[in-house]
Amino acid sequence: MEILGKYLELNSELSEYWYYFSIANKKLGRFSEAISASEKVAIKQPDNINNLVNLSDLYRLQREYVRAKEIAIKILNVDPQNENAKKILKQIENKI
């Protein structure tokens, strides 16, 4: 993780690597680092559905339900059948 983080500092334009960095941090329970990486991808690739699902889920895990919902709705506006976004909305529906 450290090596990838240092590499990304030098080559910050690599959105795909930021996405994988976010996933890895999420699996390690480092949610704030995962969100930061995923937000960088969202800036460069605002319609990257996989990243948006990851980002919405990260906000859900951080109990930032309003932000998680906003992103899930954005996903469904682009991909109305996205099961992951529907699942996130279902998980947070009683928490807002």
Protein backbone atom coordinates (compact mmCIF):
# COMPACT_ATOMS: atom_id res chain seq x y z
CA MET A 1 0.00 0.00 0.00
CA GLU A 2 2.78 2.42 0.86
CA ILE A 3 4.53 1.88 -2.45
CA LEU A 4 1.32 2.36 -4.42
CA GLY A 5 0.55 5.51 -2.44
CA LYS A 6 3.97 6.97 -3.19
CA TYR A 7 3.63 6.05 -6.86
CA LEU A 8 0.27 7.80 -7.02
CA GLU A 9 1.75 10.91 -5.44
CA LEU A 10 4.18 11.07 -8.36
CA ASN A 11 1.62 10.12 -11.02
CA SER A 12 -1.62 11.57 -9.73
CA GLU A 13 -3.37 11.39 -13.11
CA LEU A 14 -3.76 7.59 -13.03
CA SER A 15 -7.46 7.27 -12.20
CA GLU A 16 -7.54 3.49 -12.51
CA TYR A 17 -4.82 3.15 -9.89
CA TRP A 18 -6.61 5.58 -7.57
CA TYR A 19 -9.70 3.38 -7.90
CA TYR A 20 -7.77 0.25 -6.92
CA PHE A 21 -6.06 2.18 -4.13
CA SER A 22 -9.51 3.09 -2.83
CA ILE A 23 -10.69 -0.53 -2.98
CA ALA A 24 -7.58 -1.74 -1.16
CA ASN A 25 -7.97 0.87 1.58
CA LYS A 26 -11.65 -0.02 1.93
CA LYS A 27 -10.78 -3.68 2.46
CA LEU A 28 -8.28 -2.63 5.12
CA GLY A 29 -10.91 -0.51 6.88
CA ARG A 30 -9.16 2.75 6.03
CA PHE A 31 -12.34 4.46 4.93
CA SER A 32 -11.17 8.08 4.92
CA GLU A 33 -8.17 7.18 2.72
CA ALA A 34 -10.47 5.14 0.48
CA ILE A 35 -12.90 8.05 0.15
CA SER A 36 -10.10 10.46 -0.68
CA ALA A 37 -8.81 8.19 -3.45
CA SER A 38 -12.28 7.54 -4.82
CA GLU A 39 -13.12 11.26 -4.84
CA LYS A 40 -10.02 11.84 -7.00
CA VAL A 41 -11.37 9.35 -9.51
CA ALA A 42 -14.79 11.03 -9.41
CA ILE A 43 -13.20 14.35 -10.36
CA LYS A 44 -11.41 12.87 -13.37
CA GLN A 45 -14.13 10.37 -14.34
CA PRO A 46 -17.47 11.61 -12.99
CA ASP A 47 -19.45 8.88 -14.79
CA ASN A 48 -17.29 5.93 -13.70
CA ILE A 49 -20.09 3.77 -12.31
CA ASN A 50 -17.82 1.30 -10.52
CA ASN A 51 -16.10 4.12 -8.70
CA LEU A 52 -19.38 5.82 -7.84
CA VAL A 53 -20.76 2.57 -6.38
CA ASN A 54 -17.60 2.21 -4.32
CA LEU A 55 -17.78 5.84 -3.19
CA SER A 56 -21.45 5.61 -2.25
CA ASP A 57 -20.78 2.45 -0.26
CA LEU A 58 -17.82 4.08 1.48
CA TYR A 59 -20.00 6.98 2.60
CA ARG A 60 -22.58 4.45 3.82
CA LEU A 61 -19.90 2.69 5.85
CA GLN A 62 -18.90 6.05 7.34
CA ARG A 63 -22.57 6.71 8.20
CA GLU A 64 -22.63 9.71 5.88
CA TYR A 65 -26.00 8.57 4.60
CA VAL A 66 -27.04 11.76 2.82
CA ARG A 67 -23.90 11.76 0.68
CA ALA A 68 -24.22 8.00 0.06
CA LYS A 69 -27.80 8.54 -1.12
CA GLU A 70 -26.85 11.45 -3.41
CA ILE A 71 -24.25 9.33 -5.16
CA ALA A 72 -26.53 6.28 -5.41
CA ILE A 73 -29.22 8.43 -7.02
CA LYS A 74 -26.64 9.81 -9.47
CA ILE A 75 -25.75 6.22 -10.40
CA LEU A 76 -29.40 5.34 -10.98
CA ASN A 77 -29.85 8.42 -13.17
CA VAL A 78 -27.15 7.03 -15.47
CA ASP A 79 -27.90 3.32 -14.98
CA PRO A 80 -31.48 2.84 -13.70
CA GLN A 81 -31.03 -0.92 -13.32
CA ASN A 82 -27.85 -0.76 -11.23
CA GLU A 83 -28.43 -3.34 -8.50
CA ASN A 84 -25.54 -2.12 -6.34
CA ALA A 85 -26.95 1.41 -6.12
CA LYS A 86 -30.40 0.00 -5.34
CA LYS A 87 -28.90 -2.15 -2.59
CA ILE A 88 -27.11 0.84 -1.03
CA LEU A 89 -30.33 2.88 -1.06
CA LYS A 90 -32.18 0.00 0.59
CA GLN A 91 -29.50 -0.28 3.28
CA ILE A 92 -29.74 3.40 4.19
CA GLU A 93 -33.45 4.08 3.62
CA ASN A 94 -34.32 4.09 7.34
CA LYS A 95 -31.19 5.93 8.45
CA ILE A 96 -31.77 9.35 6.96
